[in-house]
Full PDB file with SEQRES, HELIX, SHEET, SSBOND, CRYST1, ORIGX, SCALE, CONECT and MASTER records, all heavy atoms in Angstrom:
SEQRES   1 A   35  ASN GLN VAL LYS ASP ASN SER GLU LYS VAL SER TYR ASP          
SEQRES   2 A   35  GLY ASN LEU LYS ILE THR PHE ASN ASP THR ASP LEU PHE          
SEQRES   3 A   35  GLN ILE LEU GLN LYS TYR ASN GLN ALA                          
HELIX    1 AA1 LEU A   25  ASN A   33  1                                   9    
CRYST1    1.000    1.000    1.000  90.00  90.00  90.00 P 1           1          
ORIGX1      1.000000  0.000000  0.000000        0.00000                         
ORIGX2      0.000000  1.000000  0.000000        0.00000                         
ORIGX3      0.000000  0.000000  1.000000        0.00000                         
SCALE1      1.000000  0.000000  0.000000        0.00000                         
SCALE2      0.000000  1.000000  0.000000        0.00000                         
SCALE3      0.000000  0.000000  1.000000        0.00000                         
ATOM      1  N   ASN A   1      22.544  24.373  10.915  1.00  0.00           N  
ATOM      2  CA  ASN A   1      23.167  24.972  12.096  1.00  0.00           C  
ATOM      3  C   ASN A   1      24.553  24.394  12.371  1.00  0.00           C  
ATOM      4  O   ASN A   1      25.392  25.032  12.997  1.00  0.00           O  
ATOM      5  CB  ASN A   1      22.274  24.763  13.322  1.00  0.00           C  
ATOM      6  CG  ASN A   1      20.993  25.579  13.246  1.00  0.00           C  
ATOM      7  OD1 ASN A   1      20.950  26.574  12.537  1.00  0.00           O  
ATOM      8  ND2 ASN A   1      19.965  25.153  13.968  1.00  0.00           N  
ATOM      9  N   GLN A   2      24.768  23.167  11.881  1.00  0.00           N  
ATOM     10  CA  GLN A   2      26.054  22.529  12.104  1.00  0.00           C  
ATOM     11  C   GLN A   2      27.120  23.039  11.138  1.00  0.00           C  
ATOM     12  O   GLN A   2      28.312  22.881  11.372  1.00  0.00           O  
ATOM     13  CB  GLN A   2      25.913  21.010  11.943  1.00  0.00           C  
ATOM     14  CG  GLN A   2      25.150  20.343  13.081  1.00  0.00           C  
ATOM     15  CD  GLN A   2      24.923  18.868  12.825  1.00  0.00           C  
ATOM     16  OE1 GLN A   2      24.953  18.422  11.684  1.00  0.00           O  
ATOM     17  NE2 GLN A   2      24.698  18.110  13.882  1.00  0.00           N  
ATOM     18  N   VAL A   3      26.688  23.647  10.044  1.00  0.00           N  
ATOM     19  CA  VAL A   3      27.642  24.109   9.038  1.00  0.00           C  
ATOM     20  C   VAL A   3      28.253  25.439   9.477  1.00  0.00           C  
ATOM     21  O   VAL A   3      27.554  26.428   9.642  1.00  0.00           O  
ATOM     22  CB  VAL A   3      26.948  24.271   7.671  1.00  0.00           C  
ATOM     23  CG1 VAL A   3      27.925  24.821   6.648  1.00  0.00           C  
ATOM     24  CG2 VAL A   3      26.401  22.935   7.206  1.00  0.00           C  
ATOM     25  N   LYS A   4      29.545  25.445   9.663  1.00  0.00           N  
ATOM     26  CA  LYS A   4      30.222  26.655  10.135  1.00  0.00           C  
ATOM     27  C   LYS A   4      30.729  27.504   8.971  1.00  0.00           C  
ATOM     28  O   LYS A   4      30.834  28.709   9.078  1.00  0.00           O  
ATOM     29  CB  LYS A   4      31.387  26.268  11.040  1.00  0.00           C  
ATOM     30  CG  LYS A   4      30.937  25.548  12.312  1.00  0.00           C  
ATOM     31  CD  LYS A   4      32.132  25.138  13.160  1.00  0.00           C  
ATOM     32  CE  LYS A   4      31.681  24.400  14.415  1.00  0.00           C  
ATOM     33  NZ  LYS A   4      32.829  23.965  15.248  1.00  0.00           N  
ATOM     34  N   ASP A   5      31.059  26.868   7.870  1.00  0.00           N  
ATOM     35  CA  ASP A   5      31.487  27.610   6.689  1.00  0.00           C  
ATOM     36  C   ASP A   5      31.131  26.781   5.468  1.00  0.00           C  
ATOM     37  O   ASP A   5      30.673  25.648   5.568  1.00  0.00           O  
ATOM     38  CB  ASP A   5      32.989  27.910   6.728  1.00  0.00           C  
ATOM     39  CG  ASP A   5      33.815  26.635   6.908  1.00  0.00           C  
ATOM     40  OD1 ASP A   5      33.697  25.724   6.048  1.00  0.00           O  
ATOM     41  OD2 ASP A   5      34.551  26.553   7.900  1.00  0.00           O  
ATOM     42  N   ASN A   6      31.304  27.339   4.310  1.00  0.00           N  
ATOM     43  CA  ASN A   6      30.890  26.688   3.063  1.00  0.00           C  
ATOM     44  C   ASN A   6      31.707  25.445   2.741  1.00  0.00           C  
ATOM     45  O   ASN A   6      31.308  24.644   1.904  1.00  0.00           O  
ATOM     46  CB  ASN A   6      30.998  27.673   1.889  1.00  0.00           C  
ATOM     47  CG  ASN A   6      29.991  28.801   2.020  1.00  0.00           C  
ATOM     48  OD1 ASN A   6      28.930  28.617   2.612  1.00  0.00           O  
ATOM     49  ND2 ASN A   6      30.332  29.970   1.490  1.00  0.00           N  
ATOM     50  N   SER A   7      32.840  25.280   3.399  1.00  0.00           N  
ATOM     51  CA  SER A   7      33.692  24.131   3.102  1.00  0.00           C  
ATOM     52  C   SER A   7      33.210  22.869   3.815  1.00  0.00           C  
ATOM     53  O   SER A   7      33.611  21.768   3.469  1.00  0.00           O  
ATOM     54  CB  SER A   7      35.144  24.426   3.521  1.00  0.00           C  
ATOM     55  OG  SER A   7      35.220  24.611   4.914  1.00  0.00           O  
ATOM     56  N   GLU A   8      32.367  23.039   4.832  1.00  0.00           N  
ATOM     57  CA  GLU A   8      31.903  21.879   5.577  1.00  0.00           C  
ATOM     58  C   GLU A   8      30.712  21.250   4.859  1.00  0.00           C  
ATOM     59  O   GLU A   8      29.745  21.929   4.533  1.00  0.00           O  
ATOM     60  CB  GLU A   8      31.503  22.276   7.002  1.00  0.00           C  
ATOM     61  CG  GLU A   8      31.159  21.078   7.880  1.00  0.00           C  
ATOM     62  CD  GLU A   8      30.973  21.469   9.327  1.00  0.00           C  
ATOM     63  OE1 GLU A   8      31.385  22.598   9.686  1.00  0.00           O  
ATOM     64  OE2 GLU A   8      30.429  20.669  10.093  1.00  0.00           O  
ATOM     65  N   LYS A   9      30.785  19.982   4.632  1.00  0.00           N  
ATOM     66  CA  LYS A   9      29.752  19.269   3.887  1.00  0.00           C  
ATOM     67  C   LYS A   9      28.544  18.987   4.773  1.00  0.00           C  
ATOM     68  O   LYS A   9      28.679  18.567   5.907  1.00  0.00           O  
ATOM     69  CB  LYS A   9      30.310  17.946   3.344  1.00  0.00           C  
ATOM     70  CG  LYS A   9      29.338  17.197   2.460  1.00  0.00           C  
ATOM     71  CD  LYS A   9      29.978  15.921   1.932  1.00  0.00           C  
ATOM     72  CE  LYS A   9      29.007  15.153   1.054  1.00  0.00           C  
ATOM     73  NZ  LYS A   9      29.611  13.893   0.538  1.00  0.00           N  
ATOM     74  N   VAL A  10      27.356  19.242   4.209  1.00  0.00           N  
ATOM     75  CA  VAL A  10      26.123  18.939   4.926  1.00  0.00           C  
ATOM     76  C   VAL A  10      25.863  17.447   4.829  1.00  0.00           C  
ATOM     77  O   VAL A  10      25.847  16.869   3.751  1.00  0.00           O  
ATOM     78  CB  VAL A  10      24.929  19.720   4.333  1.00  0.00           C  
ATOM     79  CG1 VAL A  10      23.629  19.299   5.022  1.00  0.00           C  
ATOM     80  CG2 VAL A  10      25.150  21.218   4.484  1.00  0.00           C  
ATOM     81  N   SER A  11      25.646  16.809   5.967  1.00  0.00           N  
ATOM     82  CA  SER A  11      25.406  15.373   5.957  1.00  0.00           C  
ATOM     83  C   SER A  11      23.920  15.085   5.817  1.00  0.00           C  
ATOM     84  O   SER A  11      23.084  15.885   6.235  1.00  0.00           O  
ATOM     85  CB  SER A  11      25.921  14.737   7.258  1.00  0.00           C  
ATOM     86  OG  SER A  11      25.206  15.263   8.356  1.00  0.00           O  
ATOM     87  N   TYR A  12      23.594  13.933   5.202  1.00  0.00           N  
ATOM     88  CA  TYR A  12      22.214  13.491   5.086  1.00  0.00           C  
ATOM     89  C   TYR A  12      21.913  12.520   6.221  1.00  0.00           C  
ATOM     90  O   TYR A  12      22.641  11.579   6.460  1.00  0.00           O  
ATOM     91  CB  TYR A  12      21.984  12.782   3.748  1.00  0.00           C  
ATOM     92  CG  TYR A  12      22.053  13.701   2.557  1.00  0.00           C  
ATOM     93  CD1 TYR A  12      23.156  13.706   1.715  1.00  0.00           C  
ATOM     94  CD2 TYR A  12      21.006  14.566   2.284  1.00  0.00           C  
ATOM     95  CE1 TYR A  12      23.216  14.547   0.621  1.00  0.00           C  
ATOM     96  CE2 TYR A  12      21.065  15.409   1.188  1.00  0.00           C  
ATOM     97  CZ  TYR A  12      22.162  15.396   0.354  1.00  0.00           C  
ATOM     98  OH  TYR A  12      22.221  16.225  -0.712  1.00  0.00           O  
ATOM     99  N   ASP A  13      20.817  12.765   6.906  1.00  0.00           N  
ATOM    100  CA  ASP A  13      20.363  11.813   7.923  1.00  0.00           C  
ATOM    101  C   ASP A  13      18.996  11.276   7.521  1.00  0.00           C  
ATOM    102  O   ASP A  13      18.072  11.231   8.310  1.00  0.00           O  
ATOM    103  CB  ASP A  13      20.289  12.494   9.290  1.00  0.00           C  
ATOM    104  CG  ASP A  13      20.039  11.478  10.409  1.00  0.00           C  
ATOM    105  OD1 ASP A  13      20.335  10.298  10.203  1.00  0.00           O  
ATOM    106  OD2 ASP A  13      19.538  11.885  11.463  1.00  0.00           O  
ATOM    107  N   GLY A  14      18.908  10.891   6.247  1.00  0.00           N  
ATOM    108  CA  GLY A  14      17.623  10.429   5.735  1.00  0.00           C  
ATOM    109  C   GLY A  14      16.878  11.568   5.090  1.00  0.00           C  
ATOM    110  O   GLY A  14      16.648  11.594   3.888  1.00  0.00           O  
ATOM    111  N   ASN A  15      16.492  12.560   5.902  1.00  0.00           N  
ATOM    112  CA  ASN A  15      15.855  13.766   5.411  1.00  0.00           C  
ATOM    113  C   ASN A  15      14.576  13.521   4.620  1.00  0.00           C  
ATOM    114  O   ASN A  15      14.322  14.175   3.613  1.00  0.00           O  
ATOM    115  CB  ASN A  15      16.827  14.596   4.560  1.00  0.00           C  
ATOM    116  CG  ASN A  15      17.982  15.143   5.377  1.00  0.00           C  
ATOM    117  OD1 ASN A  15      18.181  14.750   6.520  1.00  0.00           O  
ATOM    118  ND2 ASN A  15      18.750  16.048   4.807  1.00  0.00           N  
ATOM    119  N   LEU A  16      13.773  12.577   5.061  1.00  0.00           N  
ATOM    120  CA  LEU A  16      12.424  12.411   4.527  1.00  0.00           C  
ATOM    121  C   LEU A  16      11.437  12.960   5.550  1.00  0.00           C  
ATOM    122  O   LEU A  16      11.461  12.571   6.716  1.00  0.00           O  
ATOM    123  CB  LEU A  16      12.087  10.943   4.263  1.00  0.00           C  
ATOM    124  CG  LEU A  16      12.511  10.315   2.944  1.00  0.00           C  
ATOM    125  CD1 LEU A  16      11.961   8.900   2.856  1.00  0.00           C  
ATOM    126  CD2 LEU A  16      12.054  11.126   1.738  1.00  0.00           C  
ATOM    127  N   LYS A  17      10.582  13.855   5.102  1.00  0.00           N  
ATOM    128  CA  LYS A  17       9.511  14.361   5.956  1.00  0.00           C  
ATOM    129  C   LYS A  17       8.193  13.913   5.326  1.00  0.00           C  
ATOM    130  O   LYS A  17       7.906  14.258   4.169  1.00  0.00           O  
ATOM    131  CB  LYS A  17       9.564  15.881   6.063  1.00  0.00           C  
ATOM    132  CG  LYS A  17       8.419  16.481   6.872  1.00  0.00           C  
ATOM    133  CD  LYS A  17       8.505  18.003   6.858  1.00  0.00           C  
ATOM    134  CE  LYS A  17       7.318  18.611   7.590  1.00  0.00           C  
ATOM    135  NZ  LYS A  17       7.367  20.097   7.549  1.00  0.00           N  
ATOM    136  N   ILE A  18       7.392  13.157   6.068  1.00  0.00           N  
ATOM    137  CA  ILE A  18       6.159  12.598   5.521  1.00  0.00           C  
ATOM    138  C   ILE A  18       4.991  13.068   6.373  1.00  0.00           C  
ATOM    139  O   ILE A  18       4.966  12.871   7.588  1.00  0.00           O  
ATOM    140  CB  ILE A  18       6.218  11.062   5.475  1.00  0.00           C  
ATOM    141  CG1 ILE A  18       7.429  10.630   4.633  1.00  0.00           C  
ATOM    142  CG2 ILE A  18       4.934  10.483   4.890  1.00  0.00           C  
ATOM    143  CD1 ILE A  18       7.723   9.155   4.673  1.00  0.00           C  
ATOM    144  N   THR A  19       4.046  13.717   5.714  1.00  0.00           N  
ATOM    145  CA  THR A  19       2.892  14.291   6.398  1.00  0.00           C  
ATOM    146  C   THR A  19       1.617  13.621   5.901  1.00  0.00           C  
ATOM    147  O   THR A  19       1.407  13.487   4.693  1.00  0.00           O  
ATOM    148  CB  THR A  19       2.808  15.808   6.143  1.00  0.00           C  
ATOM    149  OG1 THR A  19       4.055  16.420   6.488  1.00  0.00           O  
ATOM    150  CG2 THR A  19       1.695  16.435   6.959  1.00  0.00           C  
ATOM    151  N   PHE A  20       0.761  13.220   6.842  1.00  0.00           N  
ATOM    152  CA  PHE A  20      -0.510  12.574   6.511  1.00  0.00           C  
ATOM    153  C   PHE A  20      -1.670  13.516   6.836  1.00  0.00           C  
ATOM    154  O   PHE A  20      -1.710  14.116   7.910  1.00  0.00           O  
ATOM    155  CB  PHE A  20      -0.685  11.272   7.306  1.00  0.00           C  
ATOM    156  CG  PHE A  20       0.257  10.172   6.895  1.00  0.00           C  
ATOM    157  CD1 PHE A  20       1.526  10.107   7.442  1.00  0.00           C  
ATOM    158  CD2 PHE A  20      -0.125   9.220   5.963  1.00  0.00           C  
ATOM    159  CE1 PHE A  20       2.408   9.100   7.066  1.00  0.00           C  
ATOM    160  CE2 PHE A  20       0.746   8.213   5.584  1.00  0.00           C  
ATOM    161  CZ  PHE A  20       2.011   8.155   6.124  1.00  0.00           C  
ATOM    162  N   ASN A  21      -2.605  13.604   5.896  1.00  0.00           N  
ATOM    163  CA  ASN A  21      -3.809  14.385   6.120  1.00  0.00           C  
ATOM    164  C   ASN A  21      -4.800  13.597   6.972  1.00  0.00           C  
ATOM    165  O   ASN A  21      -5.564  14.166   7.734  1.00  0.00           O  
ATOM    166  CB  ASN A  21      -4.454  14.770   4.781  1.00  0.00           C  
ATOM    167  CG  ASN A  21      -5.280  16.030   4.877  1.00  0.00           C  
ATOM    168  OD1 ASN A  21      -5.473  16.576   5.942  1.00  0.00           O  
ATOM    169  ND2 ASN A  21      -5.788  16.488   3.747  1.00  0.00           N  
ATOM    170  N   ASP A  22      -4.795  12.287   6.817  1.00  0.00           N  
ATOM    171  CA  ASP A  22      -5.681  11.415   7.591  1.00  0.00           C  
ATOM    172  C   ASP A  22      -5.035  11.117   8.938  1.00  0.00           C  
ATOM    173  O   ASP A  22      -3.814  11.030   9.050  1.00  0.00           O  
ATOM    174  CB  ASP A  22      -5.939  10.107   6.838  1.00  0.00           C  
ATOM    175  CG  ASP A  22      -6.486  10.355   5.444  1.00  0.00           C  
ATOM    176  OD1 ASP A  22      -7.553  10.965   5.343  1.00  0.00           O  
ATOM    177  OD2 ASP A  22      -5.830   9.959   4.463  1.00  0.00           O  
ATOM    178  N   THR A  23      -5.877  10.938   9.954  1.00  0.00           N  
ATOM    179  CA  THR A  23      -5.334  10.727  11.297  1.00  0.00           C  
ATOM    180  C   THR A  23      -5.489   9.298  11.799  1.00  0.00           C  
ATOM    181  O   THR A  23      -4.587   8.774  12.445  1.00  0.00           O  
ATOM    182  CB  THR A  23      -6.000  11.683  12.295  1.00  0.00           C  
ATOM    183  OG1 THR A  23      -7.426  11.472  12.283  1.00  0.00           O  
ATOM    184  CG2 THR A  23      -5.700  13.132  11.938  1.00  0.00           C  
ATOM    185  N   ASP A  24      -6.646   8.655  11.526  1.00  0.00           N  
ATOM    186  CA  ASP A  24      -6.889   7.324  12.080  1.00  0.00           C  
ATOM    187  C   ASP A  24      -7.481   6.397  11.028  1.00  0.00           C  
ATOM    188  O   ASP A  24      -7.896   6.832   9.951  1.00  0.00           O  
ATOM    189  CB  ASP A  24      -7.797   7.406  13.309  1.00  0.00           C  
ATOM    190  CG  ASP A  24      -9.154   8.033  12.998  1.00  0.00           C  
ATOM    191  OD1 ASP A  24      -9.946   7.407  12.275  1.00  0.00           O  
ATOM    192  OD2 ASP A  24      -9.415   9.154  13.476  1.00  0.00           O  
ATOM    193  N   LEU A  25      -7.536   5.105  11.340  1.00  0.00           N  
ATOM    194  CA  LEU A  25      -7.982   4.102  10.375  1.00  0.00           C  
ATOM    195  C   LEU A  25      -9.473   4.187  10.091  1.00  0.00           C  
ATOM    196  O   LEU A  25      -9.915   3.842   8.994  1.00  0.00           O  
ATOM    197  CB  LEU A  25      -7.615   2.702  10.867  1.00  0.00           C  
ATOM    198  CG  LEU A  25      -6.136   2.401  11.076  1.00  0.00           C  
ATOM    199  CD1 LEU A  25      -5.919   0.910  11.292  1.00  0.00           C  
ATOM    200  CD2 LEU A  25      -5.293   2.897   9.910  1.00  0.00           C  
ATOM    201  N   PHE A  26     -10.269   4.650  11.053  1.00  0.00           N  
ATOM    202  CA  PHE A  26     -11.694   4.803  10.806  1.00  0.00           C  
ATOM    203  C   PHE A  26     -11.946   5.906   9.786  1.00  0.00           C  
ATOM    204  O   PHE A  26     -12.789   5.777   8.890  1.00  0.00           O  
ATOM    205  CB  PHE A  26     -12.443   5.109  12.103  1.00  0.00           C  
ATOM    206  CG  PHE A  26     -13.926   5.277  11.915  1.00  0.00           C  
ATOM    207  CD1 PHE A  26     -14.724   4.179  11.596  1.00  0.00           C  
ATOM    208  CD2 PHE A  26     -14.525   6.520  12.046  1.00  0.00           C  
ATOM    209  CE1 PHE A  26     -16.091   4.327  11.412  1.00  0.00           C  
ATOM    210  CE2 PHE A  26     -15.883   6.673  11.865  1.00  0.00           C  
ATOM    211  CZ  PHE A  26     -16.667   5.571  11.545  1.00  0.00           C  
ATOM    212  N   GLN A  27     -11.198   6.998   9.894  1.00  0.00           N  
ATOM    213  CA  GLN A  27     -11.304   8.091   8.932  1.00  0.00           C  
ATOM    214  C   GLN A  27     -10.934   7.602   7.536  1.00  0.00           C  
ATOM    215  O   GLN A  27     -11.592   7.932   6.550  1.00  0.00           O  
ATOM    216  CB  GLN A  27     -10.391   9.247   9.356  1.00  0.00           C  
ATOM    217  CG  GLN A  27     -10.471  10.458   8.442  1.00  0.00           C  
ATOM    218  CD  GLN A  27      -9.534  11.583   8.886  1.00  0.00           C  
ATOM    219  OE1 GLN A  27      -8.781  11.428   9.844  1.00  0.00           O  
ATOM    220  NE2 GLN A  27      -9.592  12.695   8.205  1.00  0.00           N  
ATOM    221  N   ILE A  28      -9.898   6.786   7.451  1.00  0.00           N  
ATOM    222  CA  ILE A  28      -9.467   6.235   6.162  1.00  0.00           C  
ATOM    223  C   ILE A  28     -10.530   5.304   5.592  1.00  0.00           C  
ATOM    224  O   ILE A  28     -10.844   5.337   4.398  1.00  0.00           O  
ATOM    225  CB  ILE A  28      -8.126   5.506   6.327  1.00  0.00           C  
ATOM    226  CG1 ILE A  28      -7.012   6.519   6.627  1.00  0.00           C  
ATOM    227  CG2 ILE A  28      -7.780   4.693   5.081  1.00  0.00           C  
ATOM    228  CD1 ILE A  28      -5.727   5.890   7.090  1.00  0.00           C  
ATOM    229  N   LEU A  29     -11.101   4.456   6.450  1.00  0.00           N  
ATOM    230  CA  LEU A  29     -12.145   3.520   6.016  1.00  0.00           C  
ATOM    231  C   LEU A  29     -13.310   4.267   5.387  1.00  0.00           C  
ATOM    232  O   LEU A  29     -13.807   3.887   4.319  1.00  0.00           O  
ATOM    233  CB  LEU A  29     -12.623   2.698   7.213  1.00  0.00           C  
ATOM    234  CG  LEU A  29     -13.694   1.645   6.914  1.00  0.00           C  
ATOM    235  CD1 LEU A  29     -13.105   0.478   6.144  1.00  0.00           C  
ATOM    236  CD2 LEU A  29     -14.328   1.147   8.212  1.00  0.00           C  
ATOM    237  N   GLN A  30     -13.753   5.330   6.013  1.00  0.00           N  
ATOM    238  CA  GLN A  30     -14.887   6.090   5.495  1.00  0.00           C  
ATOM    239  C   GLN A  30     -14.510   6.915   4.263  1.00  0.00           C  
ATOM    240  O   GLN A  30     -15.243   6.947   3.276  1.00  0.00           O  
ATOM    241  CB  GLN A  30     -15.428   7.025   6.578  1.00  0.00           C  
ATOM    242  CG  GLN A  30     -16.223   6.312   7.665  1.00  0.00           C  
ATOM    243  CD  GLN A  30     -17.055   7.269   8.479  1.00  0.00           C  
ATOM    244  OE1 GLN A  30     -16.565   8.318   8.904  1.00  0.00           O  
ATOM    245  NE2 GLN A  30     -18.320   6.930   8.687  1.00  0.00           N  
ATOM    246  N   LYS A  31     -13.362   7.551   4.321  1.00  0.00           N  
ATOM    247  CA  LYS A  31     -12.968   8.482   3.263  1.00  0.00           C  
ATOM    248  C   LYS A  31     -12.755   7.800   1.923  1.00  0.00           C  
ATOM    249  O   LYS A  31     -13.152   8.325   0.879  1.00  0.00           O  
ATOM    250  CB  LYS A  31     -11.685   9.205   3.692  1.00  0.00           C  
ATOM    251  CG  LYS A  31     -11.174  10.247   2.709  1.00  0.00           C  
ATOM    252  CD  LYS A  31      -9.965  10.944   3.300  1.00  0.00           C  
ATOM    253  CE  LYS A  31      -9.404  11.989   2.358  1.00  0.00           C  
ATOM    254  NZ  LYS A  31      -8.228  12.669   2.953  1.00  0.00           N  
ATOM    255  N   TYR A  32     -12.149   6.618   1.938  1.00  0.00           N  
ATOM    256  CA  TYR A  32     -11.783   5.963   0.684  1.00  0.00           C  
ATOM    257  C   TYR A  32     -12.707   4.815   0.297  1.00  0.00           C  
ATOM    258  O   TYR A  32     -12.593   4.281  -0.802  1.00  0.00           O  
ATOM    259  CB  TYR A  32     -10.342   5.463   0.758  1.00  0.00           C  
ATOM    260  CG  TYR A  32      -9.350   6.572   1.014  1.00  0.00           C  
ATOM    261  CD1 TYR A  32      -8.772   6.734   2.265  1.00  0.00           C  
ATOM    262  CD2 TYR A  32      -9.021   7.485   0.016  1.00  0.00           C  
ATOM    263  CE1 TYR A  32      -7.889   7.774   2.521  1.00  0.00           C  
ATOM    264  CE2 TYR A  32      -8.142   8.520   0.258  1.00  0.00           C  
ATOM    265  CZ  TYR A  32      -7.579   8.661   1.515  1.00  0.00           C  
ATOM    266  OH  TYR A  32      -6.705   9.686   1.764  1.00  0.00           O  
ATOM    267  N   ASN A  33     -13.616   4.428   1.172  1.00  0.00           N  
ATOM    268  CA  ASN A  33     -14.551   3.357   0.850  1.00  0.00           C  
ATOM    269  C   ASN A  33     -15.987   3.838   0.734  1.00  0.00           C  
ATOM    270  O   ASN A  33     -16.836   3.114   0.214  1.00  0.00           O  
ATOM    271  CB  ASN A  33     -14.486   2.249   1.905  1.00  0.00           C  
ATOM    272  CG  ASN A  33     -13.182   1.497   1.854  1.00  0.00           C  
ATOM    273  OD1 ASN A  33     -12.970   0.652   1.003  1.00  0.00           O  
ATOM    274  ND2 ASN A  33     -12.287   1.819   2.775  1.00  0.00           N  
ATOM    275  N   GLN A  34     -16.244   5.030   1.230  1.00  0.00           N  
ATOM    276  CA  GLN A  34     -17.587   5.598   1.131  1.00  0.00           C  
ATOM    277  C   GLN A  34     -17.478   7.060   0.721  1.00  0.00           C  
ATOM    278  O   GLN A  34     -18.035   7.952   1.363  1.00  0.00           O  
ATOM    279  CB  GLN A  34     -18.323   5.451   2.467  1.00  0.00           C  
ATOM    280  CG  GLN A  34     -18.557   3.997   2.851  1.00  0.00           C  
ATOM    281  CD  GLN A  34     -19.294   3.845   4.163  1.00  0.00           C  
ATOM    282  OE1 GLN A  34     -19.267   4.727   5.013  1.00  0.00           O  
ATOM    283  NE2 GLN A  34     -19.963   2.719   4.334  1.00  0.00           N  
ATOM    284  N   ALA A  35     -16.764   7.286  -0.368  1.00  0.00           N  
ATOM    285  CA  ALA A  35     -16.503   8.647  -0.819  1.00  0.00           C  
ATOM    286  C   ALA A  35     -17.784   9.374  -1.204  1.00  0.00           C  
ATOM    287  O   ALA A  35     -17.825  10.607  -1.221  1.00  0.00           O  
ATOM    288  CB  ALA A  35     -15.538   8.628  -2.011  1.00  0.00           C  
TER     289      ALA A  35                                                      
MASTER        0    0    0    1    0    0    0    6  288    1    0    3          
END                                                                             
């Protein structure tokens, strides 16, 4: 949205998006230790 024309360079602000399927530590404990 900040880019007004093709000459303007897109800046990087990290741009890492990290998504977790697990929500809490108890879920992780059961899921990976009692599969």
